[in-house]
Amino acid sequence: MLHAIVEHGLRILVRNETKGSILGDAVEVADTRIKRLLGLLRHALLEPGSGLWIVPCDSIHTFFMRFPIDLIYLDKHRRVKKVRQAVPPWRISACLSACSILELPIGTISRTETDPGDELSIECLQP
């Protein structure tokens, strides 16, 4: 499914199946070296419902970013390994057992009550 999402440039919907909440409904996928390198640097802020799913990834930095973000680290089964809230610019964060990371607007983790152990689902959105 990830291949279809990336190939067609579609956005994804990320749902916390454990808590029955939606983390984002317009999340972009960063699955290439260039997309992962640029990350959110081209954004001045993140709108509610937006974000970036970085695949594969187990660590990030927020150097040169202009706003704080929430981070959710996922294993290969999309189970939450670790959460970090309101990570400010100029920080490094890692979870070596993670396979991917969701970068989301601050407040998303709190609003959705997402915790380690929660299971997330990812759905392709139609244009």
N, C-alpha and C. Protein backbone atom coordinates (compact mmCIF):
# COMPACT_ATOMS: atom_id res chain seq x y z
N MET A 1 0.82 -1.19 0.00
CA MET A 1 0.00 0.00 0.00
C MET A 1 0.86 1.25 0.00
N LEU A 2 1.98 1.26 0.73
CA LEU A 2 2.85 2.42 0.76
C LEU A 2 3.30 2.79 -0.64
N HIS A 3 3.63 1.80 -1.48
CA HIS A 3 4.07 2.08 -2.84
C HIS A 3 3.02 2.87 -3.62
N ALA A 4 1.76 2.50 -3.50
CA ALA A 4 0.68 3.20 -4.20
C ALA A 4 0.54 4.62 -3.69
N ILE A 5 0.69 4.82 -2.40
CA ILE A 5 0.58 6.16 -1.81
C ILE A 5 1.66 7.06 -2.37
N VAL A 6 2.89 6.58 -2.37
CA VAL A 6 4.02 7.37 -2.82
C VAL A 6 3.96 7.62 -4.32
N GLU A 7 3.68 6.58 -5.09
CA GLU A 7 3.68 6.68 -6.54
C GLU A 7 2.70 7.73 -7.04
N HIS A 8 1.55 7.82 -6.41
CA HIS A 8 0.54 8.76 -6.86
C HIS A 8 0.55 10.07 -6.09
N GLY A 9 1.46 10.23 -5.14
CA GLY A 9 1.57 11.48 -4.40
C GLY A 9 0.36 11.76 -3.53
N LEU A 10 -0.35 10.74 -3.12
CA LEU A 10 -1.53 10.93 -2.29
C LEU A 10 -1.14 11.17 -0.85
N ARG A 11 -2.05 11.76 -0.14
CA ARG A 11 -1.85 11.94 1.30
C ARG A 11 -2.48 10.78 2.03
N ILE A 12 -2.12 10.65 3.29
CA ILE A 12 -2.63 9.54 4.08
C ILE A 12 -3.43 10.04 5.28
N LEU A 13 -4.29 9.15 5.74
CA LEU A 13 -5.05 9.36 6.97
C LEU A 13 -4.43 8.46 8.02
N VAL A 14 -4.11 9.01 9.18
CA VAL A 14 -3.51 8.24 10.26
C VAL A 14 -4.51 8.20 11.42
N ARG A 15 -4.87 6.98 11.80
CA ARG A 15 -5.87 6.78 12.85
C ARG A 15 -5.25 5.98 14.00
N ASN A 16 -5.56 6.40 15.22
CA ASN A 16 -5.17 5.63 16.40
C ASN A 16 -6.30 4.65 16.65
N GLU A 17 -6.09 3.40 16.27
CA GLU A 17 -7.12 2.37 16.41
C GLU A 17 -7.40 2.04 17.87
N THR A 18 -6.40 2.14 18.70
CA THR A 18 -6.57 1.84 20.12
C THR A 18 -7.49 2.85 20.80
N LYS A 19 -7.31 4.13 20.48
CA LYS A 19 -8.09 5.18 21.14
C LYS A 19 -9.28 5.67 20.30
N GLY A 20 -9.35 5.24 19.04
CA GLY A 20 -10.45 5.66 18.18
C GLY A 20 -10.38 7.12 17.79
N SER A 21 -9.17 7.64 17.60
CA SER A 21 -8.99 9.05 17.24
C SER A 21 -8.20 9.17 15.94
N ILE A 22 -8.31 10.34 15.32
CA ILE A 22 -7.58 10.61 14.07
C ILE A 22 -6.43 11.57 14.37
N LEU A 23 -5.22 11.13 14.02
CA LEU A 23 -4.04 11.96 14.25
C LEU A 23 -3.83 12.95 13.11
N GLY A 24 -4.16 12.55 11.89
CA GLY A 24 -3.99 13.44 10.75
C GLY A 24 -4.76 12.92 9.56
N ASP A 25 -5.31 13.85 8.77
CA ASP A 25 -6.06 13.45 7.57
C ASP A 25 -5.47 14.05 6.30
N ALA A 26 -4.30 14.64 6.41
CA ALA A 26 -3.60 15.19 5.24
C ALA A 26 -2.09 15.07 5.46
N VAL A 27 -1.66 13.87 5.84
CA VAL A 27 -0.26 13.62 6.16
C VAL A 27 0.50 13.22 4.90
N GLU A 28 1.63 13.86 4.67
CA GLU A 28 2.49 13.55 3.52
C GLU A 28 3.43 12.41 3.88
N VAL A 29 3.96 11.74 2.86
CA VAL A 29 4.90 10.64 3.05
C VAL A 29 6.29 11.06 2.56
N ALA A 30 7.29 10.87 3.42
CA ALA A 30 8.68 11.12 3.04
C ALA A 30 9.38 9.77 3.00
N ASP A 31 9.53 9.24 1.80
CA ASP A 31 10.09 7.89 1.65
C ASP A 31 11.36 7.86 0.81
N THR A 32 11.84 9.02 0.36
CA THR A 32 13.08 9.07 -0.39
C THR A 32 14.10 9.89 0.40
N ARG A 33 15.35 9.74 0.04
CA ARG A 33 16.42 10.49 0.73
C ARG A 33 16.15 12.00 0.69
N ILE A 34 15.78 12.51 -0.46
CA ILE A 34 15.53 13.96 -0.59
C ILE A 34 14.34 14.39 0.25
N LYS A 35 13.25 13.63 0.19
CA LYS A 35 12.06 13.99 0.99
C LYS A 35 12.37 13.93 2.48
N ARG A 36 13.15 12.93 2.88
CA ARG A 36 13.51 12.83 4.30
C ARG A 36 14.45 13.96 4.70
N LEU A 37 15.36 14.33 3.81
CA LEU A 37 16.30 15.41 4.09
C LEU A 37 15.58 16.75 4.25
N LEU A 38 14.65 17.05 3.36
CA LEU A 38 13.90 18.31 3.42
C LEU A 38 12.88 18.32 4.54
N GLY A 39 12.27 17.17 4.79
CA GLY A 39 11.31 17.06 5.88
C GLY A 39 10.30 18.19 5.88
N LEU A 40 10.19 18.87 7.01
CA LEU A 40 9.24 19.97 7.17
C LEU A 40 9.89 21.34 7.01
N LEU A 41 11.12 21.39 6.52
CA LEU A 41 11.82 22.67 6.44
C LEU A 41 11.13 23.69 5.55
N ARG A 42 10.36 23.24 4.57
CA ARG A 42 9.70 24.19 3.68
C ARG A 42 8.40 24.75 4.27
N HIS A 43 8.02 24.26 5.45
CA HIS A 43 6.79 24.70 6.10
C HIS A 43 7.08 25.79 7.13
N ALA A 44 6.20 26.79 7.20
CA ALA A 44 6.30 27.82 8.23
C ALA A 44 5.58 27.36 9.49
N LEU A 45 4.63 26.46 9.35
CA LEU A 45 3.91 25.85 10.46
C LEU A 45 3.15 24.65 9.94
N LEU A 46 2.63 23.85 10.85
CA LEU A 46 1.80 22.70 10.46
C LEU A 46 0.35 22.98 10.83
N GLU A 47 -0.51 22.84 9.85
CA GLU A 47 -1.94 23.01 10.09
C GLU A 47 -2.47 21.76 10.80
N PRO A 48 -3.54 21.90 11.59
CA PRO A 48 -4.15 20.71 12.19
C PRO A 48 -4.52 19.70 11.10
N GLY A 49 -4.25 18.43 11.36
CA GLY A 49 -4.55 17.37 10.40
C GLY A 49 -3.42 17.07 9.44
N SER A 50 -2.43 17.95 9.36
CA SER A 50 -1.30 17.73 8.45
C SER A 50 -0.16 17.07 9.21
N GLY A 51 0.90 16.76 8.50
CA GLY A 51 2.07 16.16 9.12
C GLY A 51 2.94 15.47 8.09
N LEU A 52 3.90 14.72 8.57
CA LEU A 52 4.84 14.02 7.70
C LEU A 52 5.13 12.65 8.31
N TRP A 53 4.99 11.60 7.48
CA TRP A 53 5.34 10.24 7.88
C TRP A 53 6.67 9.92 7.22
N ILE A 54 7.73 9.77 8.02
CA ILE A 54 9.07 9.53 7.50
C ILE A 54 9.35 8.02 7.57
N VAL A 55 9.58 7.43 6.38
CA VAL A 55 9.74 5.98 6.24
C VAL A 55 10.95 5.68 5.36
N PRO A 56 11.91 4.88 5.74
CA PRO A 56 12.18 4.40 7.09
C PRO A 56 12.89 5.49 7.88
N CYS A 57 12.80 5.40 9.20
CA CYS A 57 13.44 6.41 10.04
C CYS A 57 13.40 5.99 11.50
N ASP A 58 14.49 6.22 12.23
CA ASP A 58 14.49 5.96 13.66
C ASP A 58 14.98 7.16 14.48
N SER A 59 15.36 8.25 13.77
CA SER A 59 15.78 9.46 14.48
C SER A 59 15.56 10.68 13.59
N ILE A 60 15.38 11.82 14.23
CA ILE A 60 15.19 13.06 13.47
C ILE A 60 15.95 14.20 14.18
N HIS A 61 16.08 15.28 13.46
CA HIS A 61 16.57 16.52 14.07
C HIS A 61 15.61 17.64 13.67
N THR A 62 15.59 18.67 14.47
CA THR A 62 14.74 19.82 14.15
C THR A 62 15.58 21.07 13.87
N PHE A 63 16.82 20.85 13.40
CA PHE A 63 17.69 21.97 13.04
C PHE A 63 17.03 22.78 11.93
N PHE A 64 17.08 24.08 12.05
CA PHE A 64 16.56 25.03 11.06
C PHE A 64 15.03 25.06 10.96
N MET A 65 14.34 24.31 11.79
CA MET A 65 12.88 24.37 11.77
C MET A 65 12.43 25.65 12.47
N ARG A 66 11.22 26.09 12.14
CA ARG A 66 10.71 27.35 12.67
C ARG A 66 9.60 27.17 13.69
N PHE A 67 9.31 25.93 14.07
CA PHE A 67 8.20 25.67 14.99
C PHE A 67 8.41 24.32 15.66
N PRO A 68 7.82 24.12 16.84
CA PRO A 68 7.92 22.82 17.51
C PRO A 68 6.95 21.80 16.89
N ILE A 69 7.23 20.52 17.10
CA ILE A 69 6.39 19.45 16.56
C ILE A 69 6.22 18.33 17.59
N ASP A 70 5.15 17.55 17.43
CA ASP A 70 4.98 16.30 18.17
C ASP A 70 5.56 15.18 17.33
N LEU A 71 6.16 14.18 17.99
CA LEU A 71 6.76 13.04 17.30
C LEU A 71 6.16 11.74 17.82
N ILE A 72 5.84 10.85 16.89
CA ILE A 72 5.38 9.51 17.25
C ILE A 72 6.25 8.51 16.50
N TYR A 73 6.95 7.67 17.27
CA TYR A 73 7.82 6.64 16.71
C TYR A 73 7.03 5.34 16.58
N LEU A 74 7.12 4.70 15.42
CA LEU A 74 6.35 3.48 15.14
C LEU A 74 7.27 2.31 14.81
N ASP A 75 6.83 1.10 15.21
CA ASP A 75 7.55 -0.10 14.78
C ASP A 75 7.00 -0.56 13.43
N LYS A 76 7.47 -1.69 12.93
CA LYS A 76 7.06 -2.14 11.60
C LYS A 76 5.60 -2.54 11.53
N HIS A 77 4.96 -2.75 12.68
CA HIS A 77 3.54 -3.10 12.71
C HIS A 77 2.67 -1.87 13.01
N ARG A 78 3.28 -0.70 12.99
CA ARG A 78 2.63 0.59 13.26
C ARG A 78 2.11 0.68 14.69
N ARG A 79 2.82 0.05 15.59
CA ARG A 79 2.54 0.18 17.02
C ARG A 79 3.44 1.29 17.56
N VAL A 80 2.90 2.16 18.39
CA VAL A 80 3.65 3.29 18.92
C VAL A 80 4.72 2.80 19.89
N LYS A 81 5.96 3.16 19.61
CA LYS A 81 7.09 2.81 20.47
C LYS A 81 7.40 3.92 21.47
N LYS A 82 7.26 5.18 21.01
CA LYS A 82 7.66 6.32 21.84
C LYS A 82 6.93 7.56 21.33
N VAL A 83 6.61 8.49 22.23
CA VAL A 83 6.05 9.78 21.84
C VAL A 83 6.89 10.89 22.47
N ARG A 84 6.99 11.99 21.74
CA ARG A 84 7.66 13.20 22.24
C ARG A 84 6.78 14.38 21.89
N GLN A 85 6.41 15.18 22.87
CA GLN A 85 5.52 16.30 22.64
C GLN A 85 6.28 17.62 22.58
N ALA A 86 5.84 18.47 21.67
CA ALA A 86 6.34 19.85 21.54
C ALA A 86 7.87 19.92 21.49
N VAL A 87 8.46 19.14 20.60
CA VAL A 87 9.92 19.16 20.43
C VAL A 87 10.29 20.46 19.71
N PRO A 88 11.07 21.30 20.35
CA PRO A 88 11.40 22.61 19.76
C PRO A 88 12.49 22.50 18.68
N PRO A 89 12.67 23.57 17.92
CA PRO A 89 13.77 23.59 16.95
C PRO A 89 15.12 23.36 17.65
N TRP A 90 16.08 22.87 16.87
CA TRP A 90 17.45 22.65 17.29
C TRP A 90 17.59 21.50 18.30
N ARG A 91 16.82 20.44 18.08
CA ARG A 91 16.91 19.26 18.93
C ARG A 91 17.15 18.01 18.08
N ILE A 92 17.60 16.94 18.72
CA ILE A 92 17.74 15.62 18.11
C ILE A 92 16.91 14.66 18.95
N SER A 93 16.21 13.75 18.29
CA SER A 93 15.41 12.76 19.00
C SER A 93 15.52 11.43 18.27
N ALA A 94 15.56 10.34 19.04
CA ALA A 94 15.72 9.02 18.43
C ALA A 94 14.98 7.96 19.23
N CYS A 95 14.66 6.88 18.52
CA CYS A 95 14.14 5.64 19.12
C CYS A 95 14.66 4.54 18.22
N LEU A 96 15.73 3.91 18.62
CA LEU A 96 16.43 2.98 17.73
C LEU A 96 15.63 1.74 17.36
N SER A 97 14.54 1.46 18.08
CA SER A 97 13.68 0.33 17.72
C SER A 97 12.55 0.73 16.78
N ALA A 98 12.49 2.00 16.40
CA ALA A 98 11.44 2.49 15.49
C ALA A 98 11.80 2.23 14.04
N CYS A 99 10.76 2.07 13.21
CA CYS A 99 10.94 1.90 11.77
C CYS A 99 10.49 3.14 11.00
N SER A 100 9.65 3.96 11.62
CA SER A 100 9.18 5.19 10.99
C SER A 100 8.77 6.18 12.06
N ILE A 101 8.63 7.44 11.64
CA ILE A 101 8.28 8.51 12.57
C ILE A 101 7.20 9.39 11.95
N LEU A 102 6.23 9.74 12.77
CA LEU A 102 5.22 10.73 12.38
C LEU A 102 5.59 12.06 13.01
N GLU A 103 5.69 13.11 12.18
CA GLU A 103 5.88 14.47 12.66
C GLU A 103 4.54 15.17 12.51
N LEU A 104 4.01 15.66 13.63
CA LEU A 104 2.66 16.21 13.65
C LEU A 104 2.62 17.56 14.37
N PRO A 105 1.54 18.33 14.16
CA PRO A 105 1.43 19.61 14.87
C PRO A 105 1.43 19.40 16.39
N ILE A 106 1.99 20.37 17.12
CA ILE A 106 1.99 20.23 18.58
C ILE A 106 0.55 20.17 19.07
N GLY A 107 0.36 19.39 20.10
CA GLY A 107 -0.97 19.18 20.67
C GLY A 107 -1.66 17.94 20.14
N THR A 108 -1.15 17.35 19.06
CA THR A 108 -1.79 16.17 18.47
C THR A 108 -1.74 14.98 19.42
N ILE A 109 -0.60 14.74 20.03
CA ILE A 109 -0.47 13.60 20.94
C ILE A 109 -1.42 13.76 22.12
N SER A 110 -1.47 14.94 22.69
CA SER A 110 -2.35 15.19 23.83
C SER A 110 -3.82 15.07 23.43
N ARG A 111 -4.19 15.69 22.30
CA ARG A 111 -5.58 15.69 21.84
C ARG A 111 -6.09 14.29 21.55
N THR A 112 -5.23 13.44 20.99
CA THR A 112 -5.64 12.08 20.62
C THR A 112 -5.33 11.05 21.70
N GLU A 113 -4.70 11.50 22.79
CA GLU A 113 -4.33 10.63 23.91
C GLU A 113 -3.49 9.44 23.47
N THR A 114 -2.61 9.68 22.50
CA THR A 114 -1.76 8.62 21.96
C THR A 114 -0.64 8.29 22.93
N ASP A 115 -0.47 6.99 23.19
CA ASP A 115 0.54 6.50 24.13
C ASP A 115 1.34 5.36 23.50
N PRO A 116 2.53 5.09 24.04
CA PRO A 116 3.26 3.90 23.60
C PRO A 116 2.39 2.66 23.76
N GLY A 117 2.45 1.78 22.76
CA GLY A 117 1.64 0.57 22.75
C GLY A 117 0.39 0.69 21.90
N ASP A 118 -0.07 1.92 21.63
CA ASP A 118 -1.25 2.11 20.78
C ASP A 118 -0.95 1.61 19.37
N GLU A 119 -1.99 1.09 18.70
CA GLU A 119 -1.85 0.65 17.31
C GLU A 119 -2.44 1.70 16.39
N LEU A 120 -1.67 2.08 15.36
CA LEU A 120 -2.12 3.05 14.38
C LEU A 120 -2.42 2.36 13.06
N SER A 121 -3.35 2.94 12.30
CA SER A 121 -3.58 2.48 10.94
C SER A 121 -3.34 3.64 9.99
N ILE A 122 -2.94 3.30 8.78
CA ILE A 122 -2.64 4.29 7.76
C ILE A 122 -3.45 3.95 6.53
N GLU A 123 -4.23 4.93 6.05
CA GLU A 123 -5.08 4.72 4.89
C GLU A 123 -4.74 5.74 3.81
N CYS A 124 -4.76 5.27 2.57
CA CYS A 124 -4.55 6.14 1.42
C CYS A 124 -5.82 6.97 1.20
N LEU A 125 -5.67 8.26 0.97
CA LEU A 125 -6.81 9.14 0.69
C LEU A 125 -6.94 9.36 -0.80
N GLN A 126 -8.14 9.39 -1.30
CA GLN A 126 -8.37 9.67 -2.72
C GLN A 126 -8.22 11.17 -2.95
N PRO A 127 -7.72 11.55 -4.14
CA PRO A 127 -7.52 12.98 -4.42
C PRO A 127 -8.82 13.74 -4.50
